[in-house]
Amino acid sequence: MANKFKIRSILDGSIITQDKFLQQWPYVILLACLSILLIANNYVSERIIRETNSINRELNELRTEHLATLSEYLQKKQQSEIARRLNTVGIRESVVPPKRIIVKNR
Protein backbone atom coordinates (compact mmCIF):
# COMPACT_ATOMS: atom_id res chain seq x y z
CA MET A 1 0.00 0.00 0.00
CA ALA A 2 2.95 2.30 0.64
CA ASN A 3 4.03 1.91 -3.00
CA LYS A 4 0.59 2.98 -4.23
CA PHE A 5 0.78 6.05 -2.03
CA LYS A 6 4.22 6.97 -3.45
CA ILE A 7 3.12 6.44 -7.04
CA ARG A 8 -0.11 8.36 -6.45
CA SER A 9 1.80 11.25 -4.83
CA ILE A 10 4.15 11.40 -7.82
CA LEU A 11 1.27 11.36 -10.31
CA ASP A 12 -0.86 13.99 -8.58
CA GLY A 13 2.14 16.23 -7.79
CA SER A 14 1.73 16.25 -4.02
CA ILE A 15 5.28 14.93 -3.63
CA ILE A 16 6.61 18.33 -4.69
CA THR A 17 5.12 19.98 -1.62
CA GLN A 18 6.64 17.54 0.88
CA ASP A 19 9.53 18.76 3.04
CA LYS A 20 11.88 15.92 2.04
CA PHE A 21 11.50 16.79 -1.62
CA LEU A 22 11.97 20.50 -0.98
CA GLN A 23 15.27 19.74 0.78
CA GLN A 24 16.46 17.81 -2.30
CA TRP A 25 15.35 20.51 -4.77
CA PRO A 26 18.87 21.99 -5.35
CA TYR A 27 20.18 18.53 -6.22
CA VAL A 28 17.33 17.94 -8.66
CA ILE A 29 18.14 21.24 -10.38
CA LEU A 30 21.84 20.32 -10.46
CA LEU A 31 21.04 16.95 -12.05
CA ALA A 32 18.80 18.63 -14.63
CA CYS A 33 21.54 21.14 -15.52
CA LEU A 34 24.14 18.39 -15.79
CA SER A 35 21.82 16.40 -18.05
CA ILE A 36 21.35 19.40 -20.34
CA LEU A 37 25.11 19.97 -20.44
CA LEU A 38 25.69 16.30 -21.28
CA ILE A 39 23.20 16.43 -24.16
CA ALA A 40 24.70 19.67 -25.49
CA ASN A 41 28.22 18.22 -25.26
CA ASN A 42 27.08 15.16 -27.19
CA TYR A 43 25.67 17.32 -30.01
CA VAL A 44 28.84 19.41 -30.20
CA SER A 45 31.09 16.35 -30.28
CA GLU A 46 29.00 14.75 -33.05
CA ARG A 47 29.22 17.97 -35.10
CA ILE A 48 33.00 18.07 -34.65
CA ILE A 49 33.27 14.42 -35.71
CA ARG A 50 31.22 15.12 -38.87
CA GLU A 51 33.41 18.13 -39.70
CA THR A 52 36.57 16.07 -39.12
CA ASN A 53 35.31 13.31 -41.42
CA SER A 54 34.46 15.88 -44.10
CA ILE A 55 37.92 17.45 -43.85
CA ASN A 56 39.57 14.02 -44.02
CA ARG A 57 37.64 13.17 -47.21
CA GLU A 58 38.67 16.50 -48.74
CA LEU A 59 42.28 15.88 -47.70
CA ASN A 60 42.27 12.48 -49.40
CA GLU A 61 40.88 14.03 -52.59
CA LEU A 62 43.56 16.73 -52.53
CA ARG A 63 46.30 14.15 -51.96
CA THR A 64 45.07 12.17 -54.95
CA GLU A 65 44.99 15.32 -57.07
CA HIS A 66 48.50 16.24 -55.87
CA LEU A 67 49.88 12.83 -56.79
CA ALA A 68 48.28 12.96 -60.24
CA THR A 69 49.68 16.44 -60.88
CA LEU A 70 53.12 15.46 -59.60
CA SER A 71 53.18 12.39 -61.82
CA GLU A 72 52.20 14.48 -64.83
CA TYR A 73 54.87 17.06 -64.01
CA LEU A 74 57.60 14.44 -63.59
CA GLN A 75 56.68 12.86 -66.91
CA LYS A 76 56.75 16.23 -68.73
CA LYS A 77 60.13 17.23 -67.31
CA GLN A 78 61.96 14.11 -68.55
CA GLN A 79 64.55 14.83 -71.23
CA SER A 80 63.02 12.38 -73.69
CA GLU A 81 59.57 13.98 -73.33
CA ILE A 82 60.99 17.48 -73.77
CA ALA A 83 62.93 16.35 -76.87
CA ARG A 84 59.81 14.73 -78.33
CA ARG A 85 57.70 17.86 -77.78
CA LEU A 86 60.37 20.16 -79.21
CA ASN A 87 60.83 17.84 -82.19
CA THR A 88 57.22 18.49 -83.23
CA VAL A 89 57.99 22.24 -83.28
CA GLY A 90 61.13 21.72 -85.35
CA ILE A 91 63.78 22.05 -82.66
CA ARG A 92 66.01 18.99 -82.51
CA GLU A 93 68.29 17.73 -79.82
CA SER A 94 71.99 18.25 -80.51
CA VAL A 95 74.05 15.13 -81.09
CA VAL A 96 77.36 17.02 -80.81
CA PRO A 97 78.57 17.21 -77.23
CA PRO A 98 79.13 20.70 -75.84
CA LYS A 99 82.64 22.14 -75.86
CA ARG A 100 84.22 23.77 -72.87
CA ILE A 101 85.32 27.38 -73.33
CA ILE A 102 88.37 28.30 -71.30
CA VAL A 103 89.04 31.98 -70.66
CA LYS A 104 92.52 32.86 -69.49
CA ASN A 105 92.86 35.66 -66.98
CA ARG A 106 94.56 38.77 -68.41
C-alpha atoms as a PDB file:
ATOM      1  CA  MET A   1       0.000   0.000   0.000  1.00  0.00           C
ATOM      2  CA  ALA A   2       2.954   2.299   0.640  1.00  0.00           C
ATOM      3  CA  ASN A   3       4.031   1.912  -3.003  1.00  0.00           C
ATOM      4  CA  LYS A   4       0.595   2.977  -4.231  1.00  0.00           C
ATOM      5  CA  PHE A   5       0.785   6.048  -2.033  1.00  0.00           C
ATOM      6  CA  LYS A   6       4.219   6.973  -3.446  1.00  0.00           C
ATOM      7  CA  ILE A   7       3.118   6.441  -7.037  1.00  0.00           C
ATOM      8  CA  ARG A   8      -0.109   8.363  -6.449  1.00  0.00           C
ATOM      9  CA  SER A   9       1.802  11.252  -4.833  1.00  0.00           C
ATOM     10  CA  ILE A  10       4.153  11.396  -7.824  1.00  0.00           C
ATOM     11  CA  LEU A  11       1.274  11.363 -10.315  1.00  0.00           C
ATOM     12  CA  ASP A  12      -0.864  13.992  -8.583  1.00  0.00           C
ATOM     13  CA  GLY A  13       2.138  16.230  -7.786  1.00  0.00           C
ATOM     14  CA  SER A  14       1.734  16.254  -4.016  1.00  0.00           C
ATOM     15  CA  ILE A  15       5.282  14.932  -3.634  1.00  0.00           C
ATOM     16  CA  ILE A  16       6.608  18.331  -4.694  1.00  0.00           C
ATOM     17  CA  THR A  17       5.123  19.981  -1.616  1.00  0.00           C
ATOM     18  CA  GLN A  18       6.638  17.538   0.876  1.00  0.00           C
ATOM     19  CA  ASP A  19       9.531  18.756   3.041  1.00  0.00           C
ATOM     20  CA  LYS A  20      11.883  15.917   2.036  1.00  0.00           C
ATOM     21  CA  PHE A  21      11.499  16.788  -1.625  1.00  0.00           C
ATOM     22  CA  LEU A  22      11.970  20.499  -0.985  1.00  0.00           C
ATOM     23  CA  GLN A  23      15.267  19.741   0.775  1.00  0.00           C
ATOM     24  CA  GLN A  24      16.456  17.813  -2.297  1.00  0.00           C
ATOM     25  CA  TRP A  25      15.347  20.509  -4.774  1.00  0.00           C
ATOM     26  CA  PRO A  26      18.869  21.991  -5.350  1.00  0.00           C
ATOM     27  CA  TYR A  27      20.177  18.526  -6.218  1.00  0.00           C
ATOM     28  CA  VAL A  28      17.328  17.940  -8.657  1.00  0.00           C
ATOM     29  CA  ILE A  29      18.143  21.244 -10.382  1.00  0.00           C
ATOM     30  CA  LEU A  30      21.839  20.320 -10.460  1.00  0.00           C
ATOM     31  CA  LEU A  31      21.035  16.949 -12.051  1.00  0.00           C
ATOM     32  CA  ALA A  32      18.801  18.630 -14.635  1.00  0.00           C
ATOM     33  CA  CYS A  33      21.535  21.139 -15.523  1.00  0.00           C
ATOM     34  CA  LEU A  34      24.143  18.389 -15.787  1.00  0.00           C
ATOM     35  CA  SER A  35      21.824  16.401 -18.046  1.00  0.00           C
ATOM     36  CA  ILE A  36      21.348  19.400 -20.339  1.00  0.00           C
ATOM     37  CA  LEU A  37      25.112  19.973 -20.444  1.00  0.00           C
ATOM     38  CA  LEU A  38      25.687  16.302 -21.280  1.00  0.00           C
ATOM     39  CA  ILE A  39      23.205  16.429 -24.160  1.00  0.00           C
ATOM     40  CA  ALA A  40      24.704  19.672 -25.488  1.00  0.00           C
ATOM     41  CA  ASN A  41      28.218  18.225 -25.256  1.00  0.00           C
ATOM     42  CA  ASN A  42      27.079  15.161 -27.191  1.00  0.00           C
ATOM     43  CA  TYR A  43      25.668  17.324 -30.012  1.00  0.00           C
ATOM     44  CA  VAL A  44      28.840  19.409 -30.200  1.00  0.00           C
ATOM     45  CA  SER A  45      31.089  16.352 -30.276  1.00  0.00           C
ATOM     46  CA  GLU A  46      29.002  14.753 -33.051  1.00  0.00           C
ATOM     47  CA  ARG A  47      29.217  17.969 -35.103  1.00  0.00           C
ATOM     48  CA  ILE A  48      32.998  18.065 -34.650  1.00  0.00           C
ATOM     49  CA  ILE A  49      33.270  14.415 -35.710  1.00  0.00           C
ATOM     50  CA  ARG A  50      31.217  15.117 -38.868  1.00  0.00           C
ATOM     51  CA  GLU A  51      33.415  18.133 -39.700  1.00  0.00           C
ATOM     52  CA  THR A  52      36.566  16.067 -39.120  1.00  0.00           C
ATOM     53  CA  ASN A  53      35.312  13.314 -41.423  1.00  0.00           C
ATOM     54  CA  SER A  54      34.460  15.879 -44.097  1.00  0.00           C
ATOM     55  CA  ILE A  55      37.917  17.452 -43.850  1.00  0.00           C
ATOM     56  CA  ASN A  56      39.574  14.016 -44.023  1.00  0.00           C
ATOM     57  CA  ARG A  57      37.639  13.174 -47.209  1.00  0.00           C
ATOM     58  CA  GLU A  58      38.669  16.503 -48.738  1.00  0.00           C
ATOM     59  CA  LEU A  59      42.282  15.884 -47.701  1.00  0.00           C
ATOM     60  CA  ASN A  60      42.275  12.483 -49.397  1.00  0.00           C
ATOM     61  CA  GLU A  61      40.880  14.034 -52.586  1.00  0.00           C
ATOM     62  CA  LEU A  62      43.556  16.730 -52.525  1.00  0.00           C
ATOM     63  CA  ARG A  63      46.297  14.148 -51.957  1.00  0.00           C
ATOM     64  CA  THR A  64      45.073  12.170 -54.949  1.00  0.00           C
ATOM     65  CA  GLU A  65      44.993  15.320 -57.074  1.00  0.00           C
ATOM     66  CA  HIS A  66      48.497  16.244 -55.872  1.00  0.00           C
ATOM     67  CA  LEU A  67      49.885  12.828 -56.790  1.00  0.00           C
ATOM     68  CA  ALA A  68      48.283  12.963 -60.244  1.00  0.00           C
ATOM     69  CA  THR A  69      49.678  16.443 -60.884  1.00  0.00           C
ATOM     70  CA  LEU A  70      53.120  15.464 -59.599  1.00  0.00           C
ATOM     71  CA  SER A  71      53.181  12.392 -61.817  1.00  0.00           C
ATOM     72  CA  GLU A  72      52.203  14.477 -64.832  1.00  0.00           C
ATOM     73  CA  TYR A  73      54.874  17.059 -64.008  1.00  0.00           C
ATOM     74  CA  LEU A  74      57.602  14.435 -63.585  1.00  0.00           C
ATOM     75  CA  GLN A  75      56.683  12.864 -66.912  1.00  0.00           C
ATOM     76  CA  LYS A  76      56.748  16.227 -68.726  1.00  0.00           C
ATOM     77  CA  LYS A  77      60.129  17.228 -67.314  1.00  0.00           C
ATOM     78  CA  GLN A  78      61.955  14.108 -68.547  1.00  0.00           C
ATOM     79  CA  GLN A  79      64.545  14.834 -71.228  1.00  0.00           C
ATOM     80  CA  SER A  80      63.016  12.377 -73.694  1.00  0.00           C
ATOM     81  CA  GLU A  81      59.574  13.984 -73.329  1.00  0.00           C
ATOM     82  CA  ILE A  82      60.993  17.484 -73.773  1.00  0.00           C
ATOM     83  CA  ALA A  83      62.931  16.352 -76.870  1.00  0.00           C
ATOM     84  CA  ARG A  84      59.810  14.725 -78.331  1.00  0.00           C
ATOM     85  CA  ARG A  85      57.705  17.858 -77.784  1.00  0.00           C
ATOM     86  CA  LEU A  86      60.368  20.156 -79.210  1.00  0.00           C
ATOM     87  CA  ASN A  87      60.826  17.836 -82.188  1.00  0.00           C
ATOM     88  CA  THR A  88      57.218  18.488 -83.229  1.00  0.00           C
ATOM     89  CA  VAL A  89      57.989  22.235 -83.283  1.00  0.00           C
ATOM     90  CA  GLY A  90      61.131  21.719 -85.351  1.00  0.00           C
ATOM     91  CA  ILE A  91      63.784  22.047 -82.659  1.00  0.00           C
ATOM     92  CA  ARG A  92      66.007  18.992 -82.507  1.00  0.00           C
ATOM     93  CA  GLU A  93      68.294  17.726 -79.818  1.00  0.00           C
ATOM     94  CA  SER A  94      71.987  18.245 -80.513  1.00  0.00           C
ATOM     95  CA  VAL A  95      74.051  15.128 -81.086  1.00  0.00           C
ATOM     96  CA  VAL A  96      77.364  17.021 -80.810  1.00  0.00           C
ATOM     97  CA  PRO A  97      78.572  17.206 -77.230  1.00  0.00           C
ATOM     98  CA  PRO A  98      79.126  20.703 -75.836  1.00  0.00           C
ATOM     99  CA  LYS A  99      82.642  22.139 -75.858  1.00  0.00           C
ATOM    100  CA  ARG A 100      84.216  23.775 -72.866  1.00  0.00           C
ATOM    101  CA  ILE A 101      85.317  27.382 -73.334  1.00  0.00           C
ATOM    102  CA  ILE A 102      88.368  28.303 -71.305  1.00  0.00           C
ATOM    103  CA  VAL A 103      89.044  31.981 -70.660  1.00  0.00           C
ATOM    104  CA  LYS A 104      92.519  32.862 -69.487  1.00  0.00           C
ATOM    105  CA  ASN A 105      92.865  35.662 -66.975  1.00  0.00           C
ATOM    106  CA  ARG A 106      94.562  38.773 -68.408  1.00  0.00           C
END
